[in-house]
ModelCIF file with pLDDT and N, C-alpha, C, O atoms, coordinates in Angstrom:
data_MODEL
#
_entry.id   MODEL 
#
_entity.id                         1 
_entity.type                       polymer 
_entity.pdbx_number_of_molecules   1 
#
_entity_poly.entity_id                      1 
_entity_poly.type                           'polypeptide(L)' 
_entity_poly.nstd_linkage                   no 
_entity_poly.nstd_monomer                   no 
_entity_poly.pdbx_seq_one_letter_code       
;(UNK)(UNK)(UNK)(UNK)(UNK)(UNK)(UNK)(UNK)(UNK)(UNK)(UNK)(UNK)(UNK)(UNK)(UNK)(UNK)
(UNK)(UNK)(UNK)(UNK)(UNK)(UNK)(UNK)(UNK)(UNK)(UNK)(UNK)(UNK)(UNK)(UNK)(UNK)(UNK)
(UNK)(UNK)(UNK)(UNK)(UNK)(UNK)(UNK)(UNK)(UNK)(UNK)(UNK)(UNK)
;
_entity_poly.pdbx_seq_one_letter_code_can   XXXXXXXXXXXXXXXXXXXXXXXXXXXXXXXXXXXXXXXXXXXX 
_entity_poly.pdbx_strand_id                 A 
#
loop_
_entity_poly_seq.entity_id 
_entity_poly_seq.num 
_entity_poly_seq.mon_id 
_entity_poly_seq.hetero 
1 1  UNK n 
1 2  UNK n 
1 3  UNK n 
1 4  UNK n 
1 5  UNK n 
1 6  UNK n 
1 7  UNK n 
1 8  UNK n 
1 9  UNK n 
1 10 UNK n 
1 11 UNK n 
1 12 UNK n 
1 13 UNK n 
1 14 UNK n 
1 15 UNK n 
1 16 UNK n 
1 17 UNK n 
1 18 UNK n 
1 19 UNK n 
1 20 UNK n 
1 21 UNK n 
1 22 UNK n 
1 23 UNK n 
1 24 UNK n 
1 25 UNK n 
1 26 UNK n 
1 27 UNK n 
1 28 UNK n 
1 29 UNK n 
1 30 UNK n 
1 31 UNK n 
1 32 UNK n 
1 33 UNK n 
1 34 UNK n 
1 35 UNK n 
1 36 UNK n 
1 37 UNK n 
1 38 UNK n 
1 39 UNK n 
1 40 UNK n 
1 41 UNK n 
1 42 UNK n 
1 43 UNK n 
1 44 UNK n 
#
_struct_asym.id          A 
_struct_asym.entity_id   1 
#
loop_
_ma_qa_metric.id 
_ma_qa_metric.mode 
_ma_qa_metric.name 
_ma_qa_metric.software_group_id 
_ma_qa_metric.type 
1 global pLDDT . pLDDT 
2 local  pLDDT . pLDDT 
#
_ma_qa_metric_global.metric_id      1 
_ma_qa_metric_global.metric_value   97.86 
_ma_qa_metric_global.model_id       1 
_ma_qa_metric_global.ordinal_id     1 
#
loop_
_ma_qa_metric_local.label_asym_id 
_ma_qa_metric_local.label_comp_id 
_ma_qa_metric_local.label_seq_id 
_ma_qa_metric_local.metric_id 
_ma_qa_metric_local.metric_value 
_ma_qa_metric_local.model_id 
_ma_qa_metric_local.ordinal_id 
A UNK 1  2 96.00 1 1  
A UNK 2  2 96.00 1 2  
A UNK 3  2 98.00 1 3  
A UNK 4  2 98.00 1 4  
A UNK 5  2 98.00 1 5  
A UNK 6  2 98.00 1 6  
A UNK 7  2 98.00 1 7  
A UNK 8  2 98.00 1 8  
A UNK 9  2 98.00 1 9  
A UNK 10 2 98.00 1 10 
A UNK 11 2 98.00 1 11 
A UNK 12 2 98.00 1 12 
A UNK 13 2 98.00 1 13 
A UNK 14 2 98.00 1 14 
A UNK 15 2 98.00 1 15 
A UNK 16 2 98.00 1 16 
A UNK 17 2 98.00 1 17 
A UNK 18 2 98.00 1 18 
A UNK 19 2 98.00 1 19 
A UNK 20 2 98.00 1 20 
A UNK 21 2 98.00 1 21 
A UNK 22 2 98.00 1 22 
A UNK 23 2 98.00 1 23 
A UNK 24 2 98.00 1 24 
A UNK 25 2 98.00 1 25 
A UNK 26 2 98.00 1 26 
A UNK 27 2 98.00 1 27 
A UNK 28 2 98.00 1 28 
A UNK 29 2 98.00 1 29 
A UNK 30 2 98.00 1 30 
A UNK 31 2 98.00 1 31 
A UNK 32 2 98.00 1 32 
A UNK 33 2 98.00 1 33 
A UNK 34 2 97.00 1 34 
A UNK 35 2 97.00 1 35 
A UNK 36 2 98.00 1 36 
A UNK 37 2 98.00 1 37 
A UNK 38 2 98.00 1 38 
A UNK 39 2 98.00 1 39 
A UNK 40 2 98.00 1 40 
A UNK 41 2 98.00 1 41 
A UNK 42 2 98.00 1 42 
A UNK 43 2 98.00 1 43 
A UNK 44 2 98.00 1 44 
#
loop_
_atom_site.group_PDB 
_atom_site.id 
_atom_site.type_symbol 
_atom_site.label_atom_id 
_atom_site.label_alt_id 
_atom_site.label_comp_id 
_atom_site.label_asym_id 
_atom_site.label_entity_id 
_atom_site.label_seq_id 
_atom_site.pdbx_PDB_ins_code 
_atom_site.Cartn_x 
_atom_site.Cartn_y 
_atom_site.Cartn_z 
_atom_site.occupancy 
_atom_site.B_iso_or_equiv 
_atom_site.pdbx_formal_charge 
_atom_site.auth_seq_id 
_atom_site.auth_comp_id 
_atom_site.auth_asym_id 
_atom_site.auth_atom_id 
_atom_site.pdbx_PDB_model_num 
ATOM 1   N N  . UNK A 1 1  ? 1.806  13.644  -7.895 1.00 96.00 ? 1  UNK A N  1 
ATOM 2   C CA . UNK A 1 1  ? 0.997  14.099  -8.893 1.00 96.00 ? 1  UNK A CA 1 
ATOM 3   C C  . UNK A 1 1  ? -0.409 13.225  -8.974 1.00 96.00 ? 1  UNK A C  1 
ATOM 4   O O  . UNK A 1 1  ? -1.323 13.390  -9.782 1.00 96.00 ? 1  UNK A O  1 
ATOM 5   N N  . UNK A 1 2  ? -0.333 12.362  -8.033 1.00 96.00 ? 2  UNK A N  1 
ATOM 6   C CA . UNK A 1 2  ? -1.561 11.519  -7.845 1.00 96.00 ? 2  UNK A CA 1 
ATOM 7   C C  . UNK A 1 2  ? -1.680 10.105  -8.592 1.00 96.00 ? 2  UNK A C  1 
ATOM 8   O O  . UNK A 1 2  ? -2.741 9.483   -8.641 1.00 96.00 ? 2  UNK A O  1 
ATOM 9   N N  . UNK A 1 3  ? -0.521 9.676   -9.151 1.00 98.00 ? 3  UNK A N  1 
ATOM 10  C CA . UNK A 1 3  ? -0.474 8.282   -9.868 1.00 98.00 ? 3  UNK A CA 1 
ATOM 11  C C  . UNK A 1 3  ? -0.186 7.174   -8.856 1.00 98.00 ? 3  UNK A C  1 
ATOM 12  O O  . UNK A 1 3  ? 0.688  7.373   -8.012 1.00 98.00 ? 3  UNK A O  1 
ATOM 13  N N  . UNK A 1 4  ? -0.834 6.064   -8.882 1.00 98.00 ? 4  UNK A N  1 
ATOM 14  C CA . UNK A 1 4  ? -0.583 5.057   -8.096 1.00 98.00 ? 4  UNK A CA 1 
ATOM 15  C C  . UNK A 1 4  ? -0.001 3.793   -8.722 1.00 98.00 ? 4  UNK A C  1 
ATOM 16  O O  . UNK A 1 4  ? -0.463 3.620   -9.849 1.00 98.00 ? 4  UNK A O  1 
ATOM 17  N N  . UNK A 1 5  ? 0.829  2.900   -8.360 1.00 98.00 ? 5  UNK A N  1 
ATOM 18  C CA . UNK A 1 5  ? 1.266  1.874   -8.925 1.00 98.00 ? 5  UNK A CA 1 
ATOM 19  C C  . UNK A 1 5  ? 1.403  0.529   -7.903 1.00 98.00 ? 5  UNK A C  1 
ATOM 20  O O  . UNK A 1 5  ? 2.003  0.671   -6.838 1.00 98.00 ? 5  UNK A O  1 
ATOM 21  N N  . UNK A 1 6  ? 0.903  -0.600  -8.219 1.00 98.00 ? 6  UNK A N  1 
ATOM 22  C CA . UNK A 1 6  ? 0.919  -1.640  -7.457 1.00 98.00 ? 6  UNK A CA 1 
ATOM 23  C C  . UNK A 1 6  ? 1.706  -3.035  -8.064 1.00 98.00 ? 6  UNK A C  1 
ATOM 24  O O  . UNK A 1 6  ? 1.707  -3.325  -9.261 1.00 98.00 ? 6  UNK A O  1 
ATOM 25  N N  . UNK A 1 7  ? 2.273  -3.716  -7.155 1.00 98.00 ? 7  UNK A N  1 
ATOM 26  C CA . UNK A 1 7  ? 2.858  -4.973  -7.733 1.00 98.00 ? 7  UNK A CA 1 
ATOM 27  C C  . UNK A 1 7  ? 1.714  -5.843  -8.049 1.00 98.00 ? 7  UNK A C  1 
ATOM 28  O O  . UNK A 1 7  ? 0.656  -5.796  -7.420 1.00 98.00 ? 7  UNK A O  1 
ATOM 29  N N  . UNK A 1 8  ? 1.973  -6.742  -9.160 1.00 98.00 ? 8  UNK A N  1 
ATOM 30  C CA . UNK A 1 8  ? 0.911  -7.529  -9.586 1.00 98.00 ? 8  UNK A CA 1 
ATOM 31  C C  . UNK A 1 8  ? 0.378  -8.456  -8.454 1.00 98.00 ? 8  UNK A C  1 
ATOM 32  O O  . UNK A 1 8  ? -0.812 -8.744  -8.326 1.00 98.00 ? 8  UNK A O  1 
ATOM 33  N N  . UNK A 1 9  ? 1.318  -8.866  -7.699 1.00 98.00 ? 9  UNK A N  1 
ATOM 34  C CA . UNK A 1 9  ? 0.653  -9.670  -6.390 1.00 98.00 ? 9  UNK A CA 1 
ATOM 35  C C  . UNK A 1 9  ? -0.258 -9.197  -5.582 1.00 98.00 ? 9  UNK A C  1 
ATOM 36  O O  . UNK A 1 9  ? -1.014 -9.956  -4.974 1.00 98.00 ? 9  UNK A O  1 
ATOM 37  N N  . UNK A 1 10 ? -0.311 -7.917  -5.467 1.00 98.00 ? 10 UNK A N  1 
ATOM 38  C CA . UNK A 1 10 ? -1.256 -7.116  -4.546 1.00 98.00 ? 10 UNK A CA 1 
ATOM 39  C C  . UNK A 1 10 ? -2.278 -6.448  -5.284 1.00 98.00 ? 10 UNK A C  1 
ATOM 40  O O  . UNK A 1 10 ? -3.255 -6.019  -4.670 1.00 98.00 ? 10 UNK A O  1 
ATOM 41  N N  . UNK A 1 11 ? -2.178 -6.295  -6.582 1.00 98.00 ? 11 UNK A N  1 
ATOM 42  C CA . UNK A 1 11 ? -3.358 -5.516  -7.192 1.00 98.00 ? 11 UNK A CA 1 
ATOM 43  C C  . UNK A 1 11 ? -4.806 -6.065  -6.963 1.00 98.00 ? 11 UNK A C  1 
ATOM 44  O O  . UNK A 1 11 ? -5.120 -7.252  -7.048 1.00 98.00 ? 11 UNK A O  1 
ATOM 45  N N  . UNK A 1 12 ? -5.596 -5.079  -6.677 1.00 98.00 ? 12 UNK A N  1 
ATOM 46  C CA . UNK A 1 12 ? -6.946 -5.561  -6.204 1.00 98.00 ? 12 UNK A CA 1 
ATOM 47  C C  . UNK A 1 12 ? -7.337 -5.931  -4.776 1.00 98.00 ? 12 UNK A C  1 
ATOM 48  O O  . UNK A 1 12 ? -8.497 -6.056  -4.385 1.00 98.00 ? 12 UNK A O  1 
ATOM 49  N N  . UNK A 1 13 ? -6.056 -6.116  -3.926 1.00 98.00 ? 13 UNK A N  1 
ATOM 50  C CA . UNK A 1 13 ? -6.411 -6.577  -2.755 1.00 98.00 ? 13 UNK A CA 1 
ATOM 51  C C  . UNK A 1 13 ? -5.881 -5.247  -1.799 1.00 98.00 ? 13 UNK A C  1 
ATOM 52  O O  . UNK A 1 13 ? -6.566 -4.828  -0.866 1.00 98.00 ? 13 UNK A O  1 
ATOM 53  N N  . UNK A 1 14 ? -4.691 -4.713  -2.138 1.00 98.00 ? 14 UNK A N  1 
ATOM 54  C CA . UNK A 1 14 ? -4.075 -3.589  -1.323 1.00 98.00 ? 14 UNK A CA 1 
ATOM 55  C C  . UNK A 1 14 ? -4.536 -2.069  -1.966 1.00 98.00 ? 14 UNK A C  1 
ATOM 56  O O  . UNK A 1 14 ? -4.835 -1.940  -3.154 1.00 98.00 ? 14 UNK A O  1 
ATOM 57  N N  . UNK A 1 15 ? -4.543 -1.134  -1.150 1.00 98.00 ? 15 UNK A N  1 
ATOM 58  C CA . UNK A 1 15 ? -4.868 0.189   -1.913 1.00 98.00 ? 15 UNK A CA 1 
ATOM 59  C C  . UNK A 1 15 ? -3.733 1.257   -0.999 1.00 98.00 ? 15 UNK A C  1 
ATOM 60  O O  . UNK A 1 15 ? -3.512 1.261   0.212  1.00 98.00 ? 15 UNK A O  1 
ATOM 61  N N  . UNK A 1 16 ? -3.268 1.935   -1.856 1.00 98.00 ? 16 UNK A N  1 
ATOM 62  C CA . UNK A 1 16 ? -2.397 3.152   -1.012 1.00 98.00 ? 16 UNK A CA 1 
ATOM 63  C C  . UNK A 1 16 ? -3.101 4.203   -1.164 1.00 98.00 ? 16 UNK A C  1 
ATOM 64  O O  . UNK A 1 16 ? -3.791 4.382   -2.168 1.00 98.00 ? 16 UNK A O  1 
ATOM 65  N N  . UNK A 1 17 ? -3.010 5.165   -0.036 1.00 98.00 ? 17 UNK A N  1 
ATOM 66  C CA . UNK A 1 17 ? -3.595 6.388   -0.143 1.00 98.00 ? 17 UNK A CA 1 
ATOM 67  C C  . UNK A 1 17 ? -2.669 7.341   0.824  1.00 98.00 ? 17 UNK A C  1 
ATOM 68  O O  . UNK A 1 17 ? -1.925 6.942   1.719  1.00 98.00 ? 17 UNK A O  1 
ATOM 69  N N  . UNK A 1 18 ? -2.875 8.550   0.466  1.00 98.00 ? 18 UNK A N  1 
ATOM 70  C CA . UNK A 1 18 ? -1.976 9.617   1.242  1.00 98.00 ? 18 UNK A CA 1 
ATOM 71  C C  . UNK A 1 18 ? -2.850 10.987  1.631  1.00 98.00 ? 18 UNK A C  1 
ATOM 72  O O  . UNK A 1 18 ? -3.884 11.256  1.020  1.00 98.00 ? 18 UNK A O  1 
ATOM 73  N N  . UNK A 1 19 ? -2.413 11.695  2.540  1.00 98.00 ? 19 UNK A N  1 
ATOM 74  C CA . UNK A 1 19 ? -2.976 12.965  2.909  1.00 98.00 ? 19 UNK A CA 1 
ATOM 75  C C  . UNK A 1 19 ? -1.746 13.777  3.057  1.00 98.00 ? 19 UNK A C  1 
ATOM 76  O O  . UNK A 1 19 ? -0.902 13.555  3.925  1.00 98.00 ? 19 UNK A O  1 
ATOM 77  N N  . UNK A 1 20 ? -1.674 14.716  2.188  1.00 98.00 ? 20 UNK A N  1 
ATOM 78  C CA . UNK A 1 20 ? -0.532 15.689  2.258  1.00 98.00 ? 20 UNK A CA 1 
ATOM 79  C C  . UNK A 1 20 ? -0.723 16.639  3.386  1.00 98.00 ? 20 UNK A C  1 
ATOM 80  O O  . UNK A 1 20 ? 0.316  16.971  3.956  1.00 98.00 ? 20 UNK A O  1 
ATOM 81  N N  . UNK A 1 21 ? -1.726 17.094  3.782  1.00 98.00 ? 21 UNK A N  1 
ATOM 82  C CA . UNK A 1 21 ? -2.085 17.947  4.937  1.00 98.00 ? 21 UNK A CA 1 
ATOM 83  C C  . UNK A 1 21 ? -1.474 17.238  6.164  1.00 98.00 ? 21 UNK A C  1 
ATOM 84  O O  . UNK A 1 21 ? -0.714 17.901  6.870  1.00 98.00 ? 21 UNK A O  1 
ATOM 85  N N  . UNK A 1 22 ? -1.750 15.868  6.507  1.00 98.00 ? 22 UNK A N  1 
ATOM 86  C CA . UNK A 1 22 ? -1.187 15.120  7.617  1.00 98.00 ? 22 UNK A CA 1 
ATOM 87  C C  . UNK A 1 22 ? 0.095  14.408  7.358  1.00 98.00 ? 22 UNK A C  1 
ATOM 88  O O  . UNK A 1 22 ? 0.649  13.635  8.140  1.00 98.00 ? 22 UNK A O  1 
ATOM 89  N N  . UNK A 1 23 ? 0.500  14.750  6.184  1.00 98.00 ? 23 UNK A N  1 
ATOM 90  C CA . UNK A 1 23 ? 1.820  13.957  6.075  1.00 98.00 ? 23 UNK A CA 1 
ATOM 91  C C  . UNK A 1 23 ? 1.922  12.653  6.272  1.00 98.00 ? 23 UNK A C  1 
ATOM 92  O O  . UNK A 1 23 ? 2.890  12.201  6.884  1.00 98.00 ? 23 UNK A O  1 
ATOM 93  N N  . UNK A 1 24 ? 0.976  11.884  5.802  1.00 98.00 ? 24 UNK A N  1 
ATOM 94  C CA . UNK A 1 24 ? 0.838  10.358  6.193  1.00 98.00 ? 24 UNK A CA 1 
ATOM 95  C C  . UNK A 1 24 ? 0.402  9.722   4.834  1.00 98.00 ? 24 UNK A C  1 
ATOM 96  O O  . UNK A 1 24 ? -0.292 10.225  3.950  1.00 98.00 ? 24 UNK A O  1 
ATOM 97  N N  . UNK A 1 25 ? 0.998  8.456   4.893  1.00 98.00 ? 25 UNK A N  1 
ATOM 98  C CA . UNK A 1 25 ? 0.480  7.560   3.837  1.00 98.00 ? 25 UNK A CA 1 
ATOM 99  C C  . UNK A 1 25 ? 0.104  6.266   4.490  1.00 98.00 ? 25 UNK A C  1 
ATOM 100 O O  . UNK A 1 25 ? 0.673  5.842   5.496  1.00 98.00 ? 25 UNK A O  1 
ATOM 101 N N  . UNK A 1 26 ? -1.028 5.562   3.782  1.00 98.00 ? 26 UNK A N  1 
ATOM 102 C CA . UNK A 1 26 ? -1.512 4.411   4.445  1.00 98.00 ? 26 UNK A CA 1 
ATOM 103 C C  . UNK A 1 26 ? -1.480 3.177   3.370  1.00 98.00 ? 26 UNK A C  1 
ATOM 104 O O  . UNK A 1 26 ? -1.441 3.415   2.163  1.00 98.00 ? 26 UNK A O  1 
ATOM 105 N N  . UNK A 1 27 ? -1.498 2.066   3.801  1.00 98.00 ? 27 UNK A N  1 
ATOM 106 C CA . UNK A 1 27 ? -1.632 0.870   3.061  1.00 98.00 ? 27 UNK A CA 1 
ATOM 107 C C  . UNK A 1 27 ? -2.797 0.036   3.500  1.00 98.00 ? 27 UNK A C  1 
ATOM 108 O O  . UNK A 1 27 ? -2.649 -0.676  4.493  1.00 98.00 ? 27 UNK A O  1 
ATOM 109 N N  . UNK A 1 28 ? -3.904 0.049   2.884  1.00 98.00 ? 28 UNK A N  1 
ATOM 110 C CA . UNK A 1 28 ? -5.033 -0.926  3.200  1.00 98.00 ? 28 UNK A CA 1 
ATOM 111 C C  . UNK A 1 28 ? -4.886 -2.278  2.640  1.00 98.00 ? 28 UNK A C  1 
ATOM 112 O O  . UNK A 1 28 ? -5.144 -2.446  1.448  1.00 98.00 ? 28 UNK A O  1 
ATOM 113 N N  . UNK A 1 29 ? -4.508 -3.237  3.357  1.00 98.00 ? 29 UNK A N  1 
ATOM 114 C CA . UNK A 1 29 ? -4.396 -4.502  3.009  1.00 98.00 ? 29 UNK A CA 1 
ATOM 115 C C  . UNK A 1 29 ? -5.560 -5.400  3.272  1.00 98.00 ? 29 UNK A C  1 
ATOM 116 O O  . UNK A 1 29 ? -5.869 -5.560  4.453  1.00 98.00 ? 29 UNK A O  1 
ATOM 117 N N  . UNK A 1 30 ? -6.256 -6.014  2.340  1.00 98.00 ? 30 UNK A N  1 
ATOM 118 C CA . UNK A 1 30 ? -7.205 -6.895  2.306  1.00 98.00 ? 30 UNK A CA 1 
ATOM 119 C C  . UNK A 1 30 ? -7.165 -8.390  1.789  1.00 98.00 ? 30 UNK A C  1 
ATOM 120 O O  . UNK A 1 30 ? -6.372 -8.714  0.906  1.00 98.00 ? 30 UNK A O  1 
ATOM 121 N N  . UNK A 1 31 ? -7.880 -9.126  2.257  1.00 98.00 ? 31 UNK A N  1 
ATOM 122 C CA . UNK A 1 31 ? -7.705 -10.666 1.554  1.00 98.00 ? 31 UNK A CA 1 
ATOM 123 C C  . UNK A 1 31 ? -6.074 -10.995 1.569  1.00 98.00 ? 31 UNK A C  1 
ATOM 124 O O  . UNK A 1 31 ? -5.358 -11.182 0.586  1.00 98.00 ? 31 UNK A O  1 
ATOM 125 N N  . UNK A 1 32 ? -5.741 -11.008 2.808  1.00 98.00 ? 32 UNK A N  1 
ATOM 126 C CA . UNK A 1 32 ? -4.101 -11.043 3.057  1.00 98.00 ? 32 UNK A CA 1 
ATOM 127 C C  . UNK A 1 32 ? -3.969 -12.698 3.020  1.00 98.00 ? 32 UNK A C  1 
ATOM 128 O O  . UNK A 1 32 ? -4.841 -13.478 3.404  1.00 98.00 ? 32 UNK A O  1 
ATOM 129 N N  . UNK A 1 33 ? -2.740 -13.034 2.495  1.00 98.00 ? 33 UNK A N  1 
ATOM 130 C CA . UNK A 1 33 ? -2.456 -14.324 2.139  1.00 98.00 ? 33 UNK A CA 1 
ATOM 131 C C  . UNK A 1 33 ? -1.139 -14.568 3.112  1.00 98.00 ? 33 UNK A C  1 
ATOM 132 O O  . UNK A 1 33 ? -0.442 -13.674 3.591  1.00 98.00 ? 33 UNK A O  1 
ATOM 133 N N  . UNK A 1 34 ? -0.978 -15.892 3.275  1.00 97.00 ? 34 UNK A N  1 
ATOM 134 C CA . UNK A 1 34 ? 0.393  -16.199 4.118  1.00 97.00 ? 34 UNK A CA 1 
ATOM 135 C C  . UNK A 1 34 ? 1.601  -15.590 3.225  1.00 97.00 ? 34 UNK A C  1 
ATOM 136 O O  . UNK A 1 34 ? 2.529  -15.066 3.840  1.00 97.00 ? 34 UNK A O  1 
ATOM 137 N N  . UNK A 1 35 ? 1.634  -15.621 2.097  1.00 97.00 ? 35 UNK A N  1 
ATOM 138 C CA . UNK A 1 35 ? 2.846  -15.219 1.153  1.00 97.00 ? 35 UNK A CA 1 
ATOM 139 C C  . UNK A 1 35 ? 2.951  -13.713 1.251  1.00 97.00 ? 35 UNK A C  1 
ATOM 140 O O  . UNK A 1 35 ? 3.817  -13.217 0.529  1.00 97.00 ? 35 UNK A O  1 
ATOM 141 N N  . UNK A 1 36 ? 2.163  -12.797 2.084  1.00 98.00 ? 36 UNK A N  1 
ATOM 142 C CA . UNK A 1 36 ? 2.268  -11.361 2.164  1.00 98.00 ? 36 UNK A CA 1 
ATOM 143 C C  . UNK A 1 36 ? 2.893  -11.141 3.554  1.00 98.00 ? 36 UNK A C  1 
ATOM 144 O O  . UNK A 1 36 ? 3.009  -9.998  3.998  1.00 98.00 ? 36 UNK A O  1 
ATOM 145 N N  . UNK A 1 37 ? 3.284  -12.186 4.224  1.00 98.00 ? 37 UNK A N  1 
ATOM 146 C CA . UNK A 1 37 ? 4.080  -12.141 5.316  1.00 98.00 ? 37 UNK A CA 1 
ATOM 147 C C  . UNK A 1 37 ? 5.423  -11.548 5.142  1.00 98.00 ? 37 UNK A C  1 
ATOM 148 O O  . UNK A 1 37 ? 6.221  -12.169 4.440  1.00 98.00 ? 37 UNK A O  1 
ATOM 149 N N  . UNK A 1 38 ? 5.766  -10.483 5.659  1.00 98.00 ? 38 UNK A N  1 
ATOM 150 C CA . UNK A 1 38 ? 6.987  -9.737  5.460  1.00 98.00 ? 38 UNK A CA 1 
ATOM 151 C C  . UNK A 1 38 ? 7.190  -8.608  6.426  1.00 98.00 ? 38 UNK A C  1 
ATOM 152 O O  . UNK A 1 38 ? 6.234  -8.304  7.139  1.00 98.00 ? 38 UNK A O  1 
ATOM 153 N N  . UNK A 1 39 ? 8.289  -7.965  6.535  1.00 98.00 ? 39 UNK A N  1 
ATOM 154 C CA . UNK A 1 39 ? 8.518  -6.450  7.062  1.00 98.00 ? 39 UNK A CA 1 
ATOM 155 C C  . UNK A 1 39 ? 7.985  -5.416  6.147  1.00 98.00 ? 39 UNK A C  1 
ATOM 156 O O  . UNK A 1 39 ? 8.556  -5.457  5.058  1.00 98.00 ? 39 UNK A O  1 
ATOM 157 N N  . UNK A 1 40 ? 7.139  -4.566  6.233  1.00 98.00 ? 40 UNK A N  1 
ATOM 158 C CA . UNK A 1 40 ? 6.764  -3.824  5.496  1.00 98.00 ? 40 UNK A CA 1 
ATOM 159 C C  . UNK A 1 40 ? 7.496  -2.212  5.883  1.00 98.00 ? 40 UNK A C  1 
ATOM 160 O O  . UNK A 1 40 ? 7.547  -1.814  7.047  1.00 98.00 ? 40 UNK A O  1 
ATOM 161 N N  . UNK A 1 41 ? 7.994  -1.457  4.791  1.00 98.00 ? 41 UNK A N  1 
ATOM 162 C CA . UNK A 1 41 ? 8.754  -0.405  5.002  1.00 98.00 ? 41 UNK A CA 1 
ATOM 163 C C  . UNK A 1 41 ? 8.235  0.535   4.196  1.00 98.00 ? 41 UNK A C  1 
ATOM 164 O O  . UNK A 1 41 ? 7.846  0.223   3.071  1.00 98.00 ? 41 UNK A O  1 
ATOM 165 N N  . UNK A 1 42 ? 8.150  1.922   4.696  1.00 98.00 ? 42 UNK A N  1 
ATOM 166 C CA . UNK A 1 42 ? 7.586  3.092   4.047  1.00 98.00 ? 42 UNK A CA 1 
ATOM 167 C C  . UNK A 1 42 ? 8.870  3.793   3.604  1.00 98.00 ? 42 UNK A C  1 
ATOM 168 O O  . UNK A 1 42 ? 9.941  3.831   4.210  1.00 98.00 ? 42 UNK A O  1 
ATOM 169 N N  . UNK A 1 43 ? 8.497  4.438   2.212  1.00 98.00 ? 43 UNK A N  1 
ATOM 170 C CA . UNK A 1 43 ? 9.594  4.933   1.580  1.00 98.00 ? 43 UNK A CA 1 
ATOM 171 C C  . UNK A 1 43 ? 9.344  6.316   1.142  1.00 98.00 ? 43 UNK A C  1 
ATOM 172 O O  . UNK A 1 43 ? 8.263  6.462   0.572  1.00 98.00 ? 43 UNK A O  1 
ATOM 173 N N  . UNK A 1 44 ? 10.051 7.331   1.262  1.00 98.00 ? 44 UNK A N  1 
ATOM 174 C CA . UNK A 1 44 ? 9.787  8.782   0.643  1.00 98.00 ? 44 UNK A CA 1 
ATOM 175 C C  . UNK A 1 44 ? 10.914 8.750   -0.353 1.00 98.00 ? 44 UNK A C  1 
ATOM 176 O O  . UNK A 1 44 ? 11.109 9.711   -1.097 1.00 98.00 ? 44 UNK A O  1 
#
């Protein structure tokens, strides 16, 4: 229903978006820091 939620550590730097017609979700990550290093997983 269009609500977004972010971890405090990424708020203001990362943006999540989705396109239901394309069944796709994105994560735009800006101002990346070494502590952002990880394996990133998509979840439905």
